C-alpha atoms as a PDB file:
ATOM      1  CA  MET A   1      38.788 102.473  30.360  1.00  0.00           C
ATOM      2  CA  ARG A   2      37.366 105.886  31.147  1.00  0.00           C
ATOM      3  CA  THR A   3      36.146 107.665  34.265  1.00  0.00           C
ATOM      4  CA  LEU A   4      32.454 108.279  34.797  1.00  0.00           C
ATOM      5  CA  ALA A   5      32.646 111.951  33.934  1.00  0.00           C
ATOM      6  CA  HIS A   6      29.083 111.762  32.633  1.00  0.00           C
ATOM      7  CA  GLN A   7      27.151 109.954  35.365  1.00  0.00           C
ATOM      8  CA  HIS A   8      24.099 109.267  33.228  1.00  0.00           C
ATOM      9  CA  ARG A   9      26.008 107.239  30.622  1.00  0.00           C
ATOM     10  CA  PRO A  10      26.411 103.506  31.229  1.00  0.00           C
ATOM     11  CA  TYR A  11      29.786 101.860  30.837  1.00  0.00           C
ATOM     12  CA  ILE A  12      30.497  98.211  30.144  1.00  0.00           C
ATOM     13  CA  ILE A  13      33.810  96.713  31.229  1.00  0.00           C
ATOM     14  CA  PHE A  14      34.842  93.302  29.908  1.00  0.00           C
ATOM     15  CA  LEU A  15      36.964  91.401  32.393  1.00  0.00           C
ATOM     16  CA  SER A  16      39.182  88.472  31.560  1.00  0.00           C
ATOM     17  CA  GLU A  17      39.378  85.290  33.581  1.00  0.00           C
ATOM     18  CA  THR A  18      42.113  86.803  35.763  1.00  0.00           C
ATOM     19  CA  LEU A  19      39.863  89.717  36.821  1.00  0.00           C
ATOM     20  CA  ALA A  20      36.764  87.662  37.442  1.00  0.00           C
ATOM     21  CA  ASN A  21      37.103  87.298  41.203  1.00  0.00           C
ATOM     22  CA  THR A  22      35.503  89.167  44.051  1.00  0.00           C
ATOM     23  CA  GLN A  23      38.655  90.704  45.538  1.00  0.00           C
ATOM     24  CA  LYS A  24      39.846  92.315  42.321  1.00  0.00           C
ATOM     25  CA  LEU A  25      36.376  93.489  41.393  1.00  0.00           C
ATOM     26  CA  GLU A  26      36.129  95.309  44.710  1.00  0.00           C
ATOM     27  CA  HIS A  27      39.431  97.100  44.039  1.00  0.00           C
ATOM     28  CA  ILE A  28      38.276  98.210  40.609  1.00  0.00           C
ATOM     29  CA  HIS A  29      34.870  99.235  41.991  1.00  0.00           C
ATOM     30  CA  VAL A  30      36.505 101.542  44.563  1.00  0.00           C
ATOM     31  CA  MET A  31      39.083 103.030  42.169  1.00  0.00           C
ATOM     32  CA  LEU A  32      36.547 103.892  39.461  1.00  0.00           C
ATOM     33  CA  LYS A  33      33.921 105.046  42.008  1.00  0.00           C
ATOM     34  CA  PHE A  34      31.129 102.901  40.585  1.00  0.00           C
ATOM     35  CA  GLU A  35      27.736 103.608  42.195  1.00  0.00           C
ATOM     36  CA  ALA A  36      26.349 100.382  40.759  1.00  0.00           C
ATOM     37  CA  CYS A  37      28.247  97.470  39.348  1.00  0.00           C
ATOM     38  CA  LEU A  38      26.695  94.486  37.608  1.00  0.00           C
ATOM     39  CA  THR A  39      29.160  91.670  37.048  1.00  0.00           C
ATOM     40  CA  VAL A  40      28.945  88.376  35.255  1.00  0.00           C
ATOM     41  CA  ASP A  41      31.184  85.488  36.179  1.00  0.00           C
ATOM     42  CA  VAL A  42      33.126  84.686  33.007  1.00  0.00           C
ATOM     43  CA  VAL A  43      35.433  82.171  34.643  1.00  0.00           C
ATOM     44  CA  GLY A  44      33.438  79.254  33.389  1.00  0.00           C
ATOM     45  CA  CYS A  45      33.019  80.780  29.939  1.00  0.00           C
ATOM     46  CA  SER A  46      36.675  81.626  29.450  1.00  0.00           C
ATOM     47  CA  GLY A  47      37.761  78.370  31.011  1.00  0.00           C
ATOM     48  CA  GLY A  48      35.486  76.402  28.734  1.00  0.00           C
ATOM     49  CA  LEU A  49      36.706  78.381  25.742  1.00  0.00           C
ATOM     50  CA  ALA A  50      40.330  77.719  26.662  1.00  0.00           C
ATOM     51  CA  GLU A  51      39.631  74.023  27.096  1.00  0.00           C
ATOM     52  CA  ALA A  52      37.705  73.762  23.832  1.00  0.00           C
ATOM     53  CA  SER A  53      40.137  75.775  21.702  1.00  0.00           C
ATOM     54  CA  ARG A  54      43.238  74.773  23.669  1.00  0.00           C
ATOM     55  CA  GLN A  55      44.196  78.445  23.774  1.00  0.00           C
ATOM     56  CA  GLU A  56      44.709  80.630  26.813  1.00  0.00           C
ATOM     57  CA  ILE A  57      45.046  84.356  27.310  1.00  0.00           C
ATOM     58  CA  ASN A  58      48.720  85.345  27.203  1.00  0.00           C
ATOM     59  CA  LEU A  59      48.901  88.076  29.828  1.00  0.00           C
ATOM     60  CA  SER A  60      52.603  88.685  29.244  1.00  0.00           C
ATOM     61  CA  ASN A  61      51.779  89.893  25.723  1.00  0.00           C
ATOM     62  CA  SER A  62      48.556  91.690  26.671  1.00  0.00           C
ATOM     63  CA  GLU A  63      48.406  95.447  27.108  1.00  0.00           C
ATOM     64  CA  VAL A  64      46.030  98.024  28.524  1.00  0.00           C
ATOM     65  CA  PHE A  65      45.526 101.632  27.498  1.00  0.00           C
ATOM     66  CA  PHE A  66      43.902 104.362  29.593  1.00  0.00           C
ATOM     67  CA  SER A  67      42.517 107.730  28.619  1.00  0.00           C
ATOM     68  CA  LYS A  68      44.023 110.952  29.935  1.00  0.00           C
ATOM     69  CA  ASN A  69      41.209 111.409  32.459  1.00  0.00           C
ATOM     70  CA  ILE A  70      42.506 108.596  34.679  1.00  0.00           C
ATOM     71  CA  SER A  71      45.363 109.525  36.991  1.00  0.00           C
ATOM     72  CA  ARG A  72      48.683 107.768  36.664  1.00  0.00           C
ATOM     73  CA  PRO A  73      48.554 106.002  40.099  1.00  0.00           C
ATOM     74  CA  ILE A  74      45.160 104.500  39.263  1.00  0.00           C
ATOM     75  CA  GLN A  75      46.468 103.397  35.869  1.00  0.00           C
ATOM     76  CA  ASP A  76      49.405 101.602  37.472  1.00  0.00           C
ATOM     77  CA  ASP A  77      47.165  99.943  40.073  1.00  0.00           C
ATOM     78  CA  LEU A  78      44.690  98.744  37.453  1.00  0.00           C
ATOM     79  CA  ALA A  79      47.443  97.365  35.250  1.00  0.00           C
ATOM     80  CA  ARG A  80      48.919  95.541  38.252  1.00  0.00           C
ATOM     81  CA  ILE A  81      45.535  94.087  39.241  1.00  0.00           C
ATOM     82  CA  MET A  82      44.799  92.908  35.688  1.00  0.00           C
ATOM     83  CA  GLY A  83      48.281  91.453  35.323  1.00  0.00           C
ATOM     84  CA  VAL A  84      49.000  93.116  31.988  1.00  0.00           C
ATOM     85  CA  ARG A  85      51.384  95.774  30.769  1.00  0.00           C
ATOM     86  CA  HIS A  86      50.505  99.431  30.805  1.00  0.00           C
ATOM     87  CA  VAL A  87      51.473 101.160  27.565  1.00  0.00           C
ATOM     88  CA  LEU A  88      51.381 104.788  26.539  1.00  0.00           C
ATOM     89  CA  GLY A  89      50.207 104.113  23.000  1.00  0.00           C
ATOM     90  CA  THR A  90      53.710 103.695  21.546  1.00  0.00           C
ATOM     91  CA  GLY A  91      54.136  99.963  22.037  1.00  0.00           C
ATOM     92  CA  ILE A  92      54.710  97.499  19.187  1.00  0.00           C
ATOM     93  CA  PHE A  93      53.057  94.075  19.196  1.00  0.00           C
ATOM     94  CA  LEU A  94      53.522  91.514  16.397  1.00  0.00           C
ATOM     95  CA  GLY A  95      55.122  94.196  14.224  1.00  0.00           C
ATOM     96  CA  LEU A  96      52.215  96.636  14.511  1.00  0.00           C
ATOM     97  CA  PRO A  97      51.577  99.595  16.855  1.00  0.00           C
ATOM     98  CA  SER A  98      49.320  98.931  19.836  1.00  0.00           C
ATOM     99  CA  MET A  99      47.286 102.096  19.275  1.00  0.00           C
ATOM    100  CA  ILE A 100      46.298 103.823  16.024  1.00  0.00           C
ATOM    101  CA  GLU A 101      45.812 107.567  16.404  1.00  0.00           C
ATOM    102  CA  ARG A 102      44.795 110.252  13.945  1.00  0.00           C
ATOM    103  CA  SER A 103      48.305 110.844  12.567  1.00  0.00           C
ATOM    104  CA  LYS A 104      48.888 107.551  10.776  1.00  0.00           C
ATOM    105  CA  GLU A 105      52.017 108.982   9.151  1.00  0.00           C
ATOM    106  CA  VAL A 106      53.663 109.301  12.562  1.00  0.00           C
ATOM    107  CA  ILE A 107      52.319 105.986  13.836  1.00  0.00           C
ATOM    108  CA  PHE A 108      53.592 103.960  10.874  1.00  0.00           C
ATOM    109  CA  ALA A 109      56.950 105.734  10.600  1.00  0.00           C
ATOM    110  CA  PHE A 110      58.519 102.663  12.170  1.00  0.00           C
ATOM    111  CA  ILE A 111      57.737 100.694   8.992  1.00  0.00           C
ATOM    112  CA  LYS A 112      59.962 103.013   6.975  1.00  0.00           C
ATOM    113  CA  ASP A 113      62.747 102.701   9.543  1.00  0.00           C
ATOM    114  CA  ARG A 114      62.408  98.921   9.500  1.00  0.00           C
ATOM    115  CA  ILE A 115      62.695  98.822   5.686  1.00  0.00           C
ATOM    116  CA  TRP A 116      65.822 100.996   5.721  1.00  0.00           C
ATOM    117  CA  LYS A 117      67.301  98.733   8.384  1.00  0.00           C
ATOM    118  CA  ARG A 118      66.585  95.672   6.246  1.00  0.00           C
ATOM    119  CA  ILE A 119      68.216  97.326   3.217  1.00  0.00           C
ATOM    120  CA  LYS A 120      71.364  98.002   5.220  1.00  0.00           C
ATOM    121  CA  GLU A 121      71.428  94.370   6.327  1.00  0.00           C
ATOM    122  CA  LEU A 122      71.052  92.979   2.792  1.00  0.00           C
ATOM    123  CA  PHE A 123      73.514  95.268   0.971  1.00  0.00           C
ATOM    124  CA  ASP A 124      76.936  96.666   1.715  1.00  0.00           C
ATOM    125  CA  HIS A 125      77.365 100.230   2.944  1.00  0.00           C
ATOM    126  CA  VAL A 126      77.974 101.861  -0.465  1.00  0.00           C
ATOM    127  CA  VAL A 127      75.042 100.155  -2.218  1.00  0.00           C
ATOM    128  CA  ALA A 128      72.729 100.806   0.736  1.00  0.00           C
ATOM    129  CA  GLU A 129      73.560 104.529   0.700  1.00  0.00           C
ATOM    130  CA  ASP A 130      72.860 104.700  -3.045  1.00  0.00           C
ATOM    131  CA  ILE A 131      69.488 103.020  -2.513  1.00  0.00           C
ATOM    132  CA  LEU A 132      68.568 105.353   0.336  1.00  0.00           C
ATOM    133  CA  GLN A 133      69.545 108.443  -1.683  1.00  0.00           C
ATOM    134  CA  THR A 134      67.464 107.417  -4.714  1.00  0.00           C
ATOM    135  CA  PRO A 135      64.615 109.952  -4.937  1.00  0.00           C
ATOM    136  CA  LEU A 136      61.081 108.693  -5.419  1.00  0.00           C
ATOM    137  CA  VAL A 137      59.040 110.197  -8.232  1.00  0.00           C
ATOM    138  CA  GLU A 138      55.753 111.809  -7.317  1.00  0.00           C
ATOM    139  CA  GLU A 139      53.902 110.276 -10.265  1.00  0.00           C
ATOM    140  CA  VAL A 140      54.119 106.652 -11.317  1.00  0.00           C
ATOM    141  CA  VAL A 141      55.151 106.493 -14.976  1.00  0.00           C
ATOM    142  CA  GLU A 142      55.856 103.560 -17.241  1.00  0.00           C
ATOM    143  CA  ASP A 143      59.504 102.508 -17.485  1.00  0.00           C
ATOM    144  CA  LYS A 144      61.227 102.867 -20.842  1.00  0.00           C
ATOM    145  CA  TRP A 145      64.635 102.297 -22.388  1.00  0.00           C
ATOM    146  CA  THR A 146      66.832 105.346 -22.997  1.00  0.00           C
ATOM    147  CA  TRP A 147      70.243 105.779 -24.624  1.00  0.00           C
ATOM    148  CA  LYS A 148      72.250 107.789 -22.112  1.00  0.00           C
ATOM    149  CA  GLU A 149      74.935 108.711 -24.647  1.00  0.00           C
ATOM    150  CA  GLU A 150      72.444 111.034 -26.379  1.00  0.00           C
ATOM    151  CA  LYS A 151      70.801 114.025 -24.708  1.00  0.00           C
ATOM    152  CA  ASN A 152      67.382 113.128 -26.117  1.00  0.00           C
ATOM    153  CA  GLY A 153      67.710 109.496 -25.014  1.00  0.00           C
ATOM    154  CA  CYS A 154      67.411 108.125 -28.568  1.00  0.00           C
ATOM    155  CA  TYR A 155      69.906 105.632 -29.948  1.00  0.00           C
ATOM    156  CA  GLY A 156      72.439 106.932 -32.480  1.00  0.00           C
ATOM    157  CA  MET A 157      75.110 105.181 -34.564  1.00  0.00           C
ATOM    158  CA  ARG A 158      77.673 107.915 -33.989  1.00  0.00           C
ATOM    159  CA  THR A 159      77.452 107.811 -30.203  1.00  0.00           C
ATOM    160  CA  ASP A 160      77.395 104.008 -30.365  1.00  0.00           C
ATOM    161  CA  TYR A 161      80.681 104.060 -32.267  1.00  0.00           C
ATOM    162  CA  ARG A 162      82.182 106.548 -29.825  1.00  0.00           C
ATOM    163  CA  LEU A 163      81.130 104.373 -26.912  1.00  0.00           C
ATOM    164  CA  TRP A 164      82.660 101.322 -28.575  1.00  0.00           C
ATOM    165  CA  ARG A 165      85.943 103.158 -29.068  1.00  0.00           C
ATOM    166  CA  LYS A 166      85.886 104.327 -25.459  1.00  0.00           C
ATOM    167  CA  ILE A 167      85.365 100.780 -24.177  1.00  0.00           C
ATOM    168  CA  HIS A 168      88.079  99.268 -26.385  1.00  0.00           C
ATOM    169  CA  LYS A 169      90.555 102.107 -25.902  1.00  0.00           C
ATOM    170  CA  ASN A 170      92.525 100.251 -23.241  1.00  0.00           C
ATOM    171  CA  GLN A 171      92.021  96.796 -24.769  1.00  0.00           C
ATOM    172  CA  GLY A 172      94.543  96.928 -27.576  1.00  0.00           C
ATOM    173  CA  TYR A 173      92.316  98.784 -30.035  1.00  0.00           C
ATOM    174  CA  ARG A 174      94.407 100.677 -32.577  1.00  0.00           C
ATOM    175  CA  ARG A 175      92.953 103.835 -34.051  1.00  0.00           C
ATOM    176  CA  GLU A 176      93.318 104.137 -37.810  1.00  0.00           C
ATOM    177  CA  ASP A 177      95.278 107.134 -39.032  1.00  0.00           C
ATOM    178  CA  GLY A 178      93.517 109.759 -41.102  1.00  0.00           C
ATOM    179  CA  ASN A 179      91.120 112.673 -40.908  1.00  0.00           C
ATOM    180  CA  TRP A 180      87.955 110.641 -40.378  1.00  0.00           C
ATOM    181  CA  SER A 181      85.786 113.638 -39.533  1.00  0.00           C
ATOM    182  CA  SER A 182      86.268 114.912 -43.098  1.00  0.00           C
ATOM    183  CA  ILE A 183      84.144 112.008 -44.385  1.00  0.00           C
ATOM    184  CA  TRP A 184      81.195 112.912 -42.146  1.00  0.00           C
ATOM    185  CA  ASN A 185      81.434 116.617 -43.052  1.00  0.00           C
ATOM    186  CA  ILE A 186      80.940 116.248 -46.814  1.00  0.00           C
ATOM    187  CA  LYS A 187      77.680 117.501 -48.318  1.00  0.00           C
ATOM    188  CA  SER A 188      76.186 114.186 -49.301  1.00  0.00           C
ATOM    189  CA  PRO A 189      73.489 111.729 -48.151  1.00  0.00           C
ATOM    190  CA  TYR A 190      74.328 109.700 -45.088  1.00  0.00           C
ATOM    191  CA  ARG A 191      74.368 106.416 -47.025  1.00  0.00           C
ATOM    192  CA  VAL A 192      77.188 107.816 -49.202  1.00  0.00           C
ATOM    193  CA  LYS A 193      79.169 108.840 -46.126  1.00  0.00           C
ATOM    194  CA  HIS A 194      78.660 105.419 -44.642  1.00  0.00           C
ATOM    195  CA  LEU A 195      79.802 103.729 -47.880  1.00  0.00           C
ATOM    196  CA  MET A 196      82.974 105.826 -47.997  1.00  0.00           C
ATOM    197  CA  TRP A 197      83.636 105.056 -44.343  1.00  0.00           C
ATOM    198  CA  ARG A 198      83.278 101.308 -45.025  1.00  0.00           C
ATOM    199  CA  ILE A 199      85.727 101.551 -47.926  1.00  0.00           C
ATOM    200  CA  CYS A 200      88.298 103.342 -45.779  1.00  0.00           C
ATOM    201  CA  ARG A 201      87.811 100.910 -42.905  1.00  0.00           C
ATOM    202  CA  GLY A 202      88.329  97.933 -45.208  1.00  0.00           C
ATOM    203  CA  CYS A 203      84.970  96.287 -44.505  1.00  0.00           C
ATOM    204  CA  LEU A 204      83.431  96.485 -47.986  1.00  0.00           C
ATOM    205  CA  PRO A 205      82.645  92.937 -49.236  1.00  0.00           C
ATOM    206  CA  THR A 206      84.656  92.956 -52.470  1.00  0.00           C
ATOM    207  CA  ARG A 207      85.444  89.656 -54.195  1.00  0.00           C
ATOM    208  CA  LEU A 208      89.081  89.787 -53.130  1.00  0.00           C
ATOM    209  CA  ARG A 209      88.124  90.285 -49.474  1.00  0.00           C
ATOM    210  CA  LEU A 210      85.501  87.533 -49.606  1.00  0.00           C
ATOM    211  CA  ARG A 211      88.019  85.159 -51.139  1.00  0.00           C
ATOM    212  CA  GLN A 212      90.531  85.961 -48.388  1.00  0.00           C
ATOM    213  CA  HIS A 213      87.993  85.204 -45.666  1.00  0.00           C
ATOM    214  CA  TYR A 214      85.940  82.370 -47.179  1.00  0.00           C
ATOM    215  CA  GLY A 215      88.046  80.987 -50.032  1.00  0.00           C
ATOM    216  CA  GLN A 216      85.209  79.781 -52.272  1.00  0.00           C
ATOM    217  CA  CYS A 217      84.758  82.944 -54.342  1.00  0.00           C
ATOM    218  CA  PRO A 218      86.083  84.156 -57.726  1.00  0.00           C
ATOM    219  CA  SER A 219      88.369  87.173 -57.491  1.00  0.00           C
ATOM    220  CA  ALA A 220      87.780  88.712 -60.936  1.00  0.00           C
ATOM    221  CA  CYS A 221      85.690  91.895 -61.227  1.00  0.00           C
ATOM    222  CA  GLN A 222      82.048  91.240 -62.052  1.00  0.00           C
ATOM    223  CA  LEU A 223      81.867  94.224 -64.430  1.00  0.00           C
ATOM    224  CA  CYS A 224      85.011  94.011 -66.542  1.00  0.00           C
ATOM    225  CA  GLU A 225      86.084  90.443 -65.632  1.00  0.00           C
ATOM    226  CA  ASN A 226      89.719  91.340 -66.268  1.00  0.00           C
ATOM    227  CA  VAL A 227      91.231  92.617 -62.997  1.00  0.00           C
ATOM    228  CA  VAL A 228      91.024  91.467 -59.382  1.00  0.00           C
ATOM    229  CA  GLU A 229      88.118  93.188 -57.658  1.00  0.00           C
ATOM    230  CA  ASP A 230      89.476  95.208 -54.720  1.00  0.00           C
ATOM    231  CA  ASP A 231      88.422  98.556 -53.230  1.00  0.00           C
ATOM    232  CA  CYS A 232      90.541 100.706 -55.480  1.00  0.00           C
ATOM    233  CA  HIS A 233      89.547  98.873 -58.679  1.00  0.00           C
ATOM    234  CA  VAL A 234      85.811  98.956 -57.931  1.00  0.00           C
ATOM    235  CA  PHE A 235      85.661 102.752 -57.617  1.00  0.00           C
ATOM    236  CA  PHE A 236      88.688 104.117 -59.471  1.00  0.00           C
ATOM    237  CA  GLY A 237      90.081 101.418 -61.808  1.00  0.00           C
ATOM    238  CA  CYS A 238      87.176  99.659 -63.486  1.00  0.00           C
ATOM    239  CA  ASP A 239      86.176 100.989 -66.937  1.00  0.00           C
ATOM    240  CA  VAL A 240      82.481 100.953 -65.991  1.00  0.00           C
ATOM    241  CA  THR A 241      82.866 102.977 -62.794  1.00  0.00           C
ATOM    242  CA  THR A 242      85.338 105.461 -64.315  1.00  0.00           C
ATOM    243  CA  HIS A 243      82.692 106.274 -66.929  1.00  0.00           C
ATOM    244  CA  TYR A 244      80.352 107.459 -64.185  1.00  0.00           C
ATOM    245  CA  TRP A 245      82.778 109.629 -62.207  1.00  0.00           C
ATOM    246  CA  ARG A 246      84.020 111.167 -65.469  1.00  0.00           C
ATOM    247  CA  ALA A 247      80.417 112.242 -66.105  1.00  0.00           C
ATOM    248  CA  THR A 248      80.378 114.102 -62.759  1.00  0.00           C
ATOM    249  CA  CYS A 249      83.292 116.357 -63.790  1.00  0.00           C
ATOM    250  CA  LEU A 250      85.645 114.772 -61.264  1.00  0.00           C
ATOM    251  CA  PRO A 251      88.546 113.637 -63.499  1.00  0.00           C
ATOM    252  CA  ASN A 252      90.647 116.688 -62.609  1.00  0.00           C
ATOM    253  CA  ILE A 253      90.239 115.784 -58.936  1.00  0.00           C
ATOM    254  CA  ILE A 254      90.639 111.997 -59.067  1.00  0.00           C
ATOM    255  CA  GLU A 255      93.132 111.352 -61.893  1.00  0.00           C
ATOM    256  CA  PRO A 256      96.059 113.381 -60.423  1.00  0.00           C
ATOM    257  CA  ARG A 257      95.708 111.446 -57.178  1.00  0.00           C
ATOM    258  CA  LEU A 258      95.637 107.997 -58.780  1.00  0.00           C
ATOM    259  CA  HIS A 259      99.403 108.137 -59.277  1.00  0.00           C
ATOM    260  CA  SER A 260     100.118 109.585 -55.815  1.00  0.00           C
ATOM    261  CA  PHE A 261      98.147 107.125 -53.650  1.00  0.00           C
ATOM    262  CA  ASP A 262      98.217 103.352 -53.733  1.00  0.00           C
ATOM    263  CA  GLY A 263      94.858 102.654 -52.104  1.00  0.00           C
ATOM    264  CA  ALA A 264      91.247 103.741 -52.014  1.00  0.00           C
ATOM    265  CA  LYS A 265      91.437 104.758 -48.352  1.00  0.00           C
ATOM    266  CA  SER A 266      94.244 107.298 -48.709  1.00  0.00           C
ATOM    267  CA  LEU A 267      92.726 108.665 -51.932  1.00  0.00           C
ATOM    268  CA  ILE A 268      89.251 109.233 -50.436  1.00  0.00           C
ATOM    269  CA  LEU A 269      90.589 110.778 -47.224  1.00  0.00           C
ATOM    270  CA  ASP A 270      92.811 113.151 -49.180  1.00  0.00           C
ATOM    271  CA  ILE A 271      89.919 114.298 -51.381  1.00  0.00           C
ATOM    272  CA  CYS A 272      87.593 114.819 -48.384  1.00  0.00           C
ATOM    273  CA  SER A 273      90.291 116.706 -46.457  1.00  0.00           C
ATOM    274  CA  HIS A 274      91.444 119.103 -49.189  1.00  0.00           C
ATOM    275  CA  GLU A 275      88.421 119.669 -51.414  1.00  0.00           C
ATOM    276  CA  ASP A 276      85.311 121.678 -50.526  1.00  0.00           C
ATOM    277  CA  ARG A 277      82.200 119.946 -49.209  1.00  0.00           C
ATOM    278  CA  ARG A 278      80.146 120.435 -52.374  1.00  0.00           C
ATOM    279  CA  THR A 279      82.830 118.925 -54.603  1.00  0.00           C
ATOM    280  CA  THR A 280      83.424 115.919 -52.393  1.00  0.00           C
ATOM    281  CA  GLY A 281      79.663 115.440 -52.194  1.00  0.00           C
ATOM    282  CA  ARG A 282      79.701 114.342 -55.864  1.00  0.00           C
ATOM    283  CA  LEU A 283      81.650 111.206 -54.920  1.00  0.00           C
ATOM    284  CA  ARG A 284      78.670 108.871 -55.097  1.00  0.00           C
END
């Protein structure tokens, strides 16, 4: 409702069933200083509507808002006459603000507070604080998988192995003795490094190892068919393989160690630890 500051502009006031009586209309007429007042009896209309729809006006949940041009005493009197609450524009009805002003960010701030309150009710204190402290990105981007063990986010076998060792460190995992970094430092293709690592770790599928695990497998070497095929025989004992590493000028490096070490693991680790990278890179 507004005062008649501009006398030449007509104003229409809609009155509910409660206001549609002579006594209350006279009070409103005097307060607003109407020079002419045309009223329509809406008692029958509203009563018929209530009877037809079986719905009535709930005055306890109804509110009225006045502009700043109406004095506070008149506002209180009008609210009392109409039988509704007088709000200052900050009331909440059915979860929404009664009045929407220009600053919608301020008006709807209660929605943010209500969401934070719901989060605190659903989660414990620590989880709720983590959720509230999570910053929101300015731009919406598509989610993607990243490997946090690498700085670039890409998956890597080396960091995967380090993570596995870290997880199983306190679960009875026993670290194998030896200078394992010497294998990865040789000047050779990665597949050769990986092969040497598998030999030293004892996970190369030789016939002897397959027979120990599965049983139904011959143990003789496939190349010479004379000796049991184990790690040391495949690379350092078989006549066929010794022909190849003799051609790479490695006899003076391998042969002296054959009598000092009893396994392929200790022999390979010793060569990688004491020989230069270029020489050990010829172990292919």
